Amino acid sequence: MGVLTIKIPQEINKSYQVEDSVFGAQILNELESHISDQGDVHIVLPRRADYKNALKEVVGIWAERPETADEIAIKIRRRNNGVE
């Protein structure tokens, strides 16, 4: 299964999934026949592949805190249980 991203000059945001490989090939052929300059074709990797930056964002939440992770977890449990 592949991903195809198309930018058009209309204000829409839609996503489709094509199950038929023959129809998918027809779509690609039709699209390529309308693109005059193949130099404008770019490969965009999915965002989920950027694990390094995602990890930095998540870990950054806990960075440079005076409490340890265990102390924070205890506080969260107490609040959830209505103790604090």
PDB file of N, CA and C in Angstrom:
ATOM      1  N   MET A   1       0.853  -1.170   0.000  1.00  0.00           N
ATOM      2  CA  MET A   1       0.000   0.000   0.000  1.00  0.00           C
ATOM      3  C   MET A   1       0.897   1.229   0.000  1.00  0.00           C
ATOM      4  N   GLY A   2       0.620   2.155  -0.859  1.00  0.00           N
ATOM      5  CA  GLY A   2       1.409   3.365  -0.957  1.00  0.00           C
ATOM      6  C   GLY A   2       0.589   4.586  -0.605  1.00  0.00           C
ATOM      7  N   VAL A   3       1.256   5.734  -0.566  1.00  0.00           N
ATOM      8  CA  VAL A   3       0.602   7.000  -0.250  1.00  0.00           C
ATOM      9  C   VAL A   3       0.894   7.973  -1.374  1.00  0.00           C
ATOM     10  N   LEU A   4      -0.122   8.665  -1.839  1.00  0.00           N
ATOM     11  CA  LEU A   4       0.005   9.660  -2.899  1.00  0.00           C
ATOM     12  C   LEU A   4      -0.542  10.971  -2.356  1.00  0.00           C
ATOM     13  N   THR A   5       0.246  12.023  -2.419  1.00  0.00           N
ATOM     14  CA  THR A   5      -0.182  13.333  -1.952  1.00  0.00           C
ATOM     15  C   THR A   5      -0.305  14.257  -3.148  1.00  0.00           C
ATOM     16  N   ILE A   6      -1.451  14.904  -3.259  1.00  0.00           N
ATOM     17  CA  ILE A   6      -1.712  15.818  -4.366  1.00  0.00           C
ATOM     18  C   ILE A   6      -2.143  17.162  -3.785  1.00  0.00           C
ATOM     19  N   LYS A   7      -1.502  18.233  -4.199  1.00  0.00           N
ATOM     20  CA  LYS A   7      -1.909  19.574  -3.785  1.00  0.00           C
ATOM     21  C   LYS A   7      -2.615  20.237  -4.961  1.00  0.00           C
ATOM     22  N   ILE A   8      -3.804  20.776  -4.694  1.00  0.00           N
ATOM     23  CA  ILE A   8      -4.579  21.430  -5.744  1.00  0.00           C
ATOM     24  C   ILE A   8      -4.993  22.818  -5.272  1.00  0.00           C
ATOM     25  N   PRO A   9      -5.331  23.708  -6.192  1.00  0.00           N
ATOM     26  CA  PRO A   9      -5.656  25.085  -5.818  1.00  0.00           C
ATOM     27  C   PRO A   9      -7.109  25.268  -5.346  1.00  0.00           C
ATOM     28  N   GLN A  10      -7.627  24.337  -4.591  1.00  0.00           N
ATOM     29  CA  GLN A  10      -8.949  24.472  -3.976  1.00  0.00           C
ATOM     30  C   GLN A  10      -8.814  24.259  -2.468  1.00  0.00           C
ATOM     31  N   GLU A  11      -9.756  24.813  -1.723  1.00  0.00           N
ATOM     32  CA  GLU A  11      -9.736  24.685  -0.268  1.00  0.00           C
ATOM     33  C   GLU A  11     -10.462  23.404   0.149  1.00  0.00           C
ATOM     34  N   ILE A  12      -9.794  22.265  -0.020  1.00  0.00           N
ATOM     35  CA  ILE A  12     -10.372  20.989   0.406  1.00  0.00           C
ATOM     36  C   ILE A  12      -9.320  20.187   1.144  1.00  0.00           C
ATOM     37  N   ASN A  13      -9.783  19.268   1.959  1.00  0.00           N
ATOM     38  CA  ASN A  13      -8.885  18.371   2.668  1.00  0.00           C
ATOM     39  C   ASN A  13      -9.563  17.007   2.705  1.00  0.00           C
ATOM     40  N   LYS A  14      -9.228  16.141   1.780  1.00  0.00           N
ATOM     41  CA  LYS A  14      -9.864  14.831   1.676  1.00  0.00           C
ATOM     42  C   LYS A  14      -8.816  13.741   1.588  1.00  0.00           C
ATOM     43  N   SER A  15      -9.216  12.555   1.985  1.00  0.00           N
ATOM     44  CA  SER A  15      -8.352  11.392   1.916  1.00  0.00           C
ATOM     45  C   SER A  15      -9.162  10.235   1.362  1.00  0.00           C
ATOM     46  N   TYR A  16      -8.590   9.493   0.424  1.00  0.00           N
ATOM     47  CA  TYR A  16      -9.262   8.356  -0.188  1.00  0.00           C
ATOM     48  C   TYR A  16      -8.360   7.138  -0.087  1.00  0.00           C
ATOM     49  N   GLN A  17      -8.983   5.962  -0.067  1.00  0.00           N
ATOM     50  CA  GLN A  17      -8.225   4.716  -0.106  1.00  0.00           C
ATOM     51  C   GLN A  17      -8.739   3.891  -1.283  1.00  0.00           C
ATOM     52  N   VAL A  18      -7.822   3.527  -2.180  1.00  0.00           N
ATOM     53  CA  VAL A  18      -8.167   2.743  -3.360  1.00  0.00           C
ATOM     54  C   VAL A  18      -7.705   1.313  -3.116  1.00  0.00           C
ATOM     55  N   GLU A  19      -8.632   0.370  -3.193  1.00  0.00           N
ATOM     56  CA  GLU A  19      -8.318  -1.043  -2.965  1.00  0.00           C
ATOM     57  C   GLU A  19      -7.937  -1.761  -4.259  1.00  0.00           C
ATOM     58  N   ASP A  20      -8.416  -1.284  -5.397  1.00  0.00           N
ATOM     59  CA  ASP A  20      -8.207  -1.934  -6.690  1.00  0.00           C
ATOM     60  C   ASP A  20      -6.902  -1.433  -7.309  1.00  0.00           C
ATOM     61  N   SER A  21      -5.920  -2.326  -7.491  1.00  0.00           N
ATOM     62  CA  SER A  21      -4.619  -1.911  -8.013  1.00  0.00           C
ATOM     63  C   SER A  21      -4.702  -1.452  -9.469  1.00  0.00           C
ATOM     64  N   VAL A  22      -5.628  -2.009 -10.227  1.00  0.00           N
ATOM     65  CA  VAL A  22      -5.793  -1.583 -11.623  1.00  0.00           C
ATOM     66  C   VAL A  22      -6.303  -0.144 -11.667  1.00  0.00           C
ATOM     67  N   PHE A  23      -7.301   0.171 -10.825  1.00  0.00           N
ATOM     68  CA  PHE A  23      -7.820   1.535 -10.769  1.00  0.00           C
ATOM     69  C   PHE A  23      -6.740   2.502 -10.256  1.00  0.00           C
ATOM     70  N   GLY A  24      -5.928   2.050  -9.293  1.00  0.00           N
ATOM     71  CA  GLY A  24      -4.829   2.882  -8.798  1.00  0.00           C
ATOM     72  C   GLY A  24      -3.851   3.219  -9.909  1.00  0.00           C
ATOM     73  N   ALA A  25      -3.531   2.247 -10.759  1.00  0.00           N
ATOM     74  CA  ALA A  25      -2.632   2.490 -11.887  1.00  0.00           C
ATOM     75  C   ALA A  25      -3.261   3.471 -12.877  1.00  0.00           C
ATOM     76  N   GLN A  26      -4.573   3.359 -13.087  1.00  0.00           N
ATOM     77  CA  GLN A  26      -5.269   4.292 -13.984  1.00  0.00           C
ATOM     78  C   GLN A  26      -5.201   5.718 -13.442  1.00  0.00           C
ATOM     79  N   ILE A  27      -5.390   5.855 -12.147  1.00  0.00           N
ATOM     80  CA  ILE A  27      -5.319   7.186 -11.528  1.00  0.00           C
ATOM     81  C   ILE A  27      -3.922   7.780 -11.727  1.00  0.00           C
ATOM     82  N   LEU A  28      -2.888   6.984 -11.462  1.00  0.00           N
ATOM     83  CA  LEU A  28      -1.517   7.479 -11.625  1.00  0.00           C
ATOM     84  C   LEU A  28      -1.229   7.873 -13.072  1.00  0.00           C
ATOM     85  N   ASN A  29      -1.654   7.052 -14.028  1.00  0.00           N
ATOM     86  CA  ASN A  29      -1.438   7.374 -15.441  1.00  0.00           C
ATOM     87  C   ASN A  29      -2.148   8.665 -15.831  1.00  0.00           C
ATOM     88  N   GLU A  30      -3.388   8.820 -15.369  1.00  0.00           N
ATOM     89  CA  GLU A  30      -4.144  10.041 -15.669  1.00  0.00           C
ATOM     90  C   GLU A  30      -3.468  11.259 -15.052  1.00  0.00           C
ATOM     91  N   LEU A  31      -3.037  11.140 -13.835  1.00  0.00           N
ATOM     92  CA  LEU A  31      -2.370  12.245 -13.146  1.00  0.00           C
ATOM     93  C   LEU A  31      -1.077  12.625 -13.858  1.00  0.00           C
ATOM     94  N   GLU A  32      -0.272  11.640 -14.207  1.00  0.00           N
ATOM     95  CA  GLU A  32       1.000  11.911 -14.860  1.00  0.00           C
ATOM     96  C   GLU A  32       0.815  12.521 -16.249  1.00  0.00           C
ATOM     97  N   SER A  33      -0.294  12.239 -16.902  1.00  0.00           N
ATOM     98  CA  SER A  33      -0.538  12.832 -18.222  1.00  0.00           C
ATOM     99  C   SER A  33      -0.875  14.322 -18.116  1.00  0.00           C
ATOM    100  N   HIS A  34      -1.300  14.786 -16.944  1.00  0.00           N
ATOM    101  CA  HIS A  34      -1.645  16.196 -16.748  1.00  0.00           C
ATOM    102  C   HIS A  34      -0.520  17.021 -16.132  1.00  0.00           C
ATOM    103  N   ILE A  35       0.551  16.368 -15.719  1.00  0.00           N
ATOM    104  CA  ILE A  35       1.686  17.085 -15.136  1.00  0.00           C
ATOM    105  C   ILE A  35       2.707  17.304 -16.243  1.00  0.00           C
ATOM    106  N   SER A  36       2.947  18.579 -16.553  1.00  0.00           N
ATOM    107  CA  SER A  36       3.847  18.881 -17.661  1.00  0.00           C
ATOM    108  C   SER A  36       5.313  18.809 -17.245  1.00  0.00           C
ATOM    109  N   ASP A  37       5.625  19.249 -16.039  1.00  0.00           N
ATOM    110  CA  ASP A  37       7.011  19.289 -15.582  1.00  0.00           C
ATOM    111  C   ASP A  37       7.201  18.263 -14.472  1.00  0.00           C
ATOM    112  N   GLN A  38       7.833  17.142 -14.785  1.00  0.00           N
ATOM    113  CA  GLN A  38       8.062  16.097 -13.794  1.00  0.00           C
ATOM    114  C   GLN A  38       9.053  16.539 -12.711  1.00  0.00           C
ATOM    115  N   GLY A  39       9.710  17.677 -12.907  1.00  0.00           N
ATOM    116  CA  GLY A  39      10.629  18.194 -11.897  1.00  0.00           C
ATOM    117  C   GLY A  39       9.908  18.658 -10.650  1.00  0.00           C
ATOM    118  N   ASP A  40       8.602  18.867 -10.716  1.00  0.00           N
ATOM    119  CA  ASP A  40       7.837  19.305  -9.558  1.00  0.00           C
ATOM    120  C   ASP A  40       7.391  18.154  -8.668  1.00  0.00           C
ATOM    121  N   VAL A  41       7.701  16.935  -9.036  1.00  0.00           N
ATOM    122  CA  VAL A  41       7.289  15.778  -8.251  1.00  0.00           C
ATOM    123  C   VAL A  41       8.251  15.626  -7.076  1.00  0.00           C
ATOM    124  N   HIS A  42       7.703  15.536  -5.882  1.00  0.00           N
ATOM    125  CA  HIS A  42       8.515  15.409  -4.674  1.00  0.00           C
ATOM    126  C   HIS A  42       8.086  14.170  -3.910  1.00  0.00           C
ATOM    127  N   ILE A  43       9.016  13.558  -3.242  1.00  0.00           N
ATOM    128  CA  ILE A  43       8.703  12.438  -2.371  1.00  0.00           C
ATOM    129  C   ILE A  43       8.632  12.973  -0.948  1.00  0.00           C
ATOM    130  N   VAL A  44       7.493  12.760  -0.297  1.00  0.00           N
ATOM    131  CA  VAL A  44       7.301  13.213   1.072  1.00  0.00           C
ATOM    132  C   VAL A  44       7.115  11.982   1.948  1.00  0.00           C
ATOM    133  N   LEU A  45       8.010  11.822   2.903  1.00  0.00           N
ATOM    134  CA  LEU A  45       7.906  10.689   3.806  1.00  0.00           C
ATOM    135  C   LEU A  45       6.805  10.946   4.830  1.00  0.00           C
ATOM    136  N   PRO A  46       6.146   9.915   5.304  1.00  0.00           N
ATOM    137  CA  PRO A  46       5.106  10.098   6.323  1.00  0.00           C
ATOM    138  C   PRO A  46       5.675  10.702   7.588  1.00  0.00           C
ATOM    139  N   ARG A  47       4.870  11.488   8.276  1.00  0.00           N
ATOM    140  CA  ARG A  47       5.321  12.148   9.495  1.00  0.00           C
ATOM    141  C   ARG A  47       5.681  11.152  10.591  1.00  0.00           C
ATOM    142  N   ARG A  48       4.984  10.027  10.621  1.00  0.00           N
ATOM    143  CA  ARG A  48       5.242   9.067  11.689  1.00  0.00           C
ATOM    144  C   ARG A  48       6.648   8.474  11.616  1.00  0.00           C
ATOM    145  N   ALA A  49       7.350   8.675  10.513  1.00  0.00           N
ATOM    146  CA  ALA A  49       8.699   8.149  10.375  1.00  0.00           C
ATOM    147  C   ALA A  49       9.726   9.015  11.108  1.00  0.00           C
ATOM    148  N   ASP A  50       9.303  10.180  11.603  1.00  0.00           N
ATOM    149  CA  ASP A  50      10.211  11.097  12.275  1.00  0.00           C
ATOM    150  C   ASP A  50      10.216  10.800  13.782  1.00  0.00           C
ATOM    151  N   TYR A  51      10.677   9.604  14.139  1.00  0.00           N
ATOM    152  CA  TYR A  51      10.638   9.174  15.528  1.00  0.00           C
ATOM    153  C   TYR A  51      11.587   9.984  16.416  1.00  0.00           C
ATOM    154  N   LYS A  52      12.703  10.407  15.873  1.00  0.00           N
ATOM    155  CA  LYS A  52      13.697  11.116  16.680  1.00  0.00           C
ATOM    156  C   LYS A  52      13.129  12.422  17.220  1.00  0.00           C
ATOM    157  N   ASN A  53      12.506  13.236  16.353  1.00  0.00           N
ATOM    158  CA  ASN A  53      11.921  14.500  16.816  1.00  0.00           C
ATOM    159  C   ASN A  53      10.702  14.262  17.692  1.00  0.00           C
ATOM    160  N   ALA A  54       9.906  13.243  17.382  1.00  0.00           N
ATOM    161  CA  ALA A  54       8.743  12.929  18.213  1.00  0.00           C
ATOM    162  C   ALA A  54       9.193  12.543  19.622  1.00  0.00           C
ATOM    163  N   LEU A  55      10.254  11.763  19.707  1.00  0.00           N
ATOM    164  CA  LEU A  55      10.773  11.366  21.009  1.00  0.00           C
ATOM    165  C   LEU A  55      11.282  12.574  21.790  1.00  0.00           C
ATOM    166  N   LYS A  56      11.949  13.501  21.109  1.00  0.00           N
ATOM    167  CA  LYS A  56      12.430  14.716  21.774  1.00  0.00           C
ATOM    168  C   LYS A  56      11.270  15.517  22.351  1.00  0.00           C
ATOM    169  N   GLU A  57      10.164  15.605  21.612  1.00  0.00           N
ATOM    170  CA  GLU A  57       9.006  16.344  22.098  1.00  0.00           C
ATOM    171  C   GLU A  57       8.426  15.695  23.346  1.00  0.00           C
ATOM    172  N   VAL A  58       8.295  14.391  23.322  1.00  0.00           N
ATOM    173  CA  VAL A  58       7.699  13.684  24.454  1.00  0.00           C
ATOM    174  C   VAL A  58       8.612  13.739  25.664  1.00  0.00           C
ATOM    175  N   VAL A  59       9.879  13.471  25.474  1.00  0.00           N
ATOM    176  CA  VAL A  59      10.826  13.477  26.590  1.00  0.00           C
ATOM    177  C   VAL A  59      11.001  14.890  27.127  1.00  0.00           C
ATOM    178  N   GLY A  60      10.872  15.887  26.268  1.00  0.00           N
ATOM    179  CA  GLY A  60      11.014  17.277  26.695  1.00  0.00           C
ATOM    180  C   GLY A  60      10.009  17.686  27.757  1.00  0.00           C
ATOM    181  N   ILE A  61       8.852  17.011  27.789  1.00  0.00           N
ATOM    182  CA  ILE A  61       7.843  17.312  28.799  1.00  0.00           C
ATOM    183  C   ILE A  61       8.394  17.016  30.193  1.00  0.00           C
ATOM    184  N   TRP A  62       9.203  15.962  30.300  1.00  0.00           N
ATOM    185  CA  TRP A  62       9.716  15.512  31.595  1.00  0.00           C
ATOM    186  C   TRP A  62      11.106  16.071  31.904  1.00  0.00           C
ATOM    187  N   ALA A  63      11.726  16.720  30.954  1.00  0.00           N
ATOM    188  CA  ALA A  63      13.100  17.189  31.142  1.00  0.00           C
ATOM    189  C   ALA A  63      13.155  18.345  32.142  1.00  0.00           C
ATOM    190  N   GLU A  64      14.244  18.387  32.880  1.00  0.00           N
ATOM    191  CA  GLU A  64      14.559  19.470  33.812  1.00  0.00           C
ATOM    192  C   GLU A  64      13.457  19.721  34.828  1.00  0.00           C
ATOM    193  N   ARG A  65      12.862  18.675  35.351  1.00  0.00           N
ATOM    194  CA  ARG A  65      11.855  18.798  36.403  1.00  0.00           C
ATOM    195  C   ARG A  65      12.508  18.456  37.729  1.00  0.00           C
ATOM    196  N   PRO A  66      12.145  19.167  38.794  1.00  0.00           N
ATOM    197  CA  PRO A  66      12.750  18.865  40.091  1.00  0.00           C
ATOM    198  C   PRO A  66      12.315  17.505  40.637  1.00  0.00           C
ATOM    199  N   GLU A  67      11.087  17.043  40.292  1.00  0.00           N
ATOM    200  CA  GLU A  67      10.617  15.752  40.777  1.00  0.00           C
ATOM    201  C   GLU A  67      11.137  14.631  39.886  1.00  0.00           C
ATOM    202  N   THR A  68      11.238  13.458  40.459  1.00  0.00           N
ATOM    203  CA  THR A  68      11.581  12.291  39.659  1.00  0.00           C
ATOM    204  C   THR A  68      10.315  11.774  38.984  1.00  0.00           C
ATOM    205  N   ALA A  69      10.479  10.897  38.037  1.00  0.00           N
ATOM    206  CA  ALA A  69       9.325  10.324  37.340  1.00  0.00           C
ATOM    207  C   ALA A  69       8.428   9.568  38.319  1.00  0.00           C
ATOM    208  N   ASP A  70       9.020   8.880  39.292  1.00  0.00           N
ATOM    209  CA  ASP A  70       8.221   8.150  40.284  1.00  0.00           C
ATOM    210  C   ASP A  70       7.394   9.102  41.137  1.00  0.00           C
ATOM    211  N   GLU A  71       7.983  10.223  41.549  1.00  0.00           N
ATOM    212  CA  GLU A  71       7.250  11.199  42.348  1.00  0.00           C
ATOM    213  C   GLU A  71       6.076  11.794  41.565  1.00  0.00           C
ATOM    214  N   ILE A  72       6.289  12.069  40.309  1.00  0.00           N
ATOM    215  CA  ILE A  72       5.218  12.600  39.460  1.00  0.00           C
ATOM    216  C   ILE A  72       4.107  11.564  39.317  1.00  0.00           C
ATOM    217  N   ALA A  73       4.480  10.300  39.125  1.00  0.00           N
ATOM    218  CA  ALA A  73       3.488   9.234  38.984  1.00  0.00           C
ATOM    219  C   ALA A  73       2.661   9.087  40.260  1.00  0.00           C
ATOM    220  N   ILE A  74       3.290   9.195  41.410  1.00  0.00           N
ATOM    221  CA  ILE A  74       2.569   9.101  42.684  1.00  0.00           C
ATOM    222  C   ILE A  74       1.572  10.252  42.807  1.00  0.00           C
ATOM    223  N   LYS A  75       1.978  11.465  42.445  1.00  0.00           N
ATOM    224  CA  LYS A  75       1.074  12.623  42.498  1.00  0.00           C
ATOM    225  C   LYS A  75      -0.128  12.423  41.577  1.00  0.00           C
ATOM    226  N   ILE A  76       0.130  11.914  40.380  1.00  0.00           N
ATOM    227  CA  ILE A  76      -0.964  11.694  39.427  1.00  0.00           C
ATOM    228  C   ILE A  76      -1.931  10.652  39.976  1.00  0.00           C
ATOM    229  N   ARG A  77      -1.404   9.562  40.544  1.00  0.00           N
ATOM    230  CA  ARG A  77      -2.273   8.527  41.115  1.00  0.00           C
ATOM    231  C   ARG A  77      -3.110   9.079  42.260  1.00  0.00           C
ATOM    232  N   ARG A  78      -2.496   9.894  43.122  1.00  0.00           N
ATOM    233  CA  ARG A  78      -3.227  10.472  44.250  1.00  0.00           C
ATOM    234  C   ARG A  78      -4.362  11.394  43.760  1.00  0.00           C
ATOM    235  N   ARG A  79      -4.067  12.198  42.759  1.00  0.00           N
ATOM    236  CA  ARG A  79      -5.116  13.087  42.217  1.00  0.00           C
ATOM    237  C   ARG A  79      -6.240  12.275  41.603  1.00  0.00           C
ATOM    238  N   ASN A  80      -5.891  11.214  40.859  1.00  0.00           N
ATOM    239  CA  ASN A  80      -6.915  10.379  40.247  1.00  0.00           C
ATOM    240  C   ASN A  80      -7.778   9.655  41.284  1.00  0.00           C
ATOM    241  N   ASN A  81      -7.175   9.318  42.425  1.00  0.00           N
ATOM    242  CA  ASN A  81      -7.910   8.624  43.486  1.00  0.00           C
ATOM    243  C   ASN A  81      -8.628   9.586  44.425  1.00  0.00           C
ATOM    244  N   GLY A  82      -8.447  10.891  44.217  1.00  0.00           N
ATOM    245  CA  GLY A  82      -9.120  11.891  45.040  1.00  0.00           C
ATOM    246  C   GLY A  82      -8.471  12.116  46.382  1.00  0.00           C
ATOM    247  N   VAL A  83      -7.211  11.715  46.554  1.00  0.00           N
ATOM    248  CA  VAL A  83      -6.517  11.887  47.826  1.00  0.00           C
ATOM    249  C   VAL A  83      -6.040  13.321  47.984  1.00  0.00           C
ATOM    250  N   GLU A  84      -5.592  13.955  46.929  1.00  0.00           N
ATOM    251  CA  GLU A  84      -5.110  15.348  47.002  1.00  0.00           C
ATOM    252  C   GLU A  84      -6.157  16.301  46.511  1.00  0.00           C
TER     253      GLU A  84
END
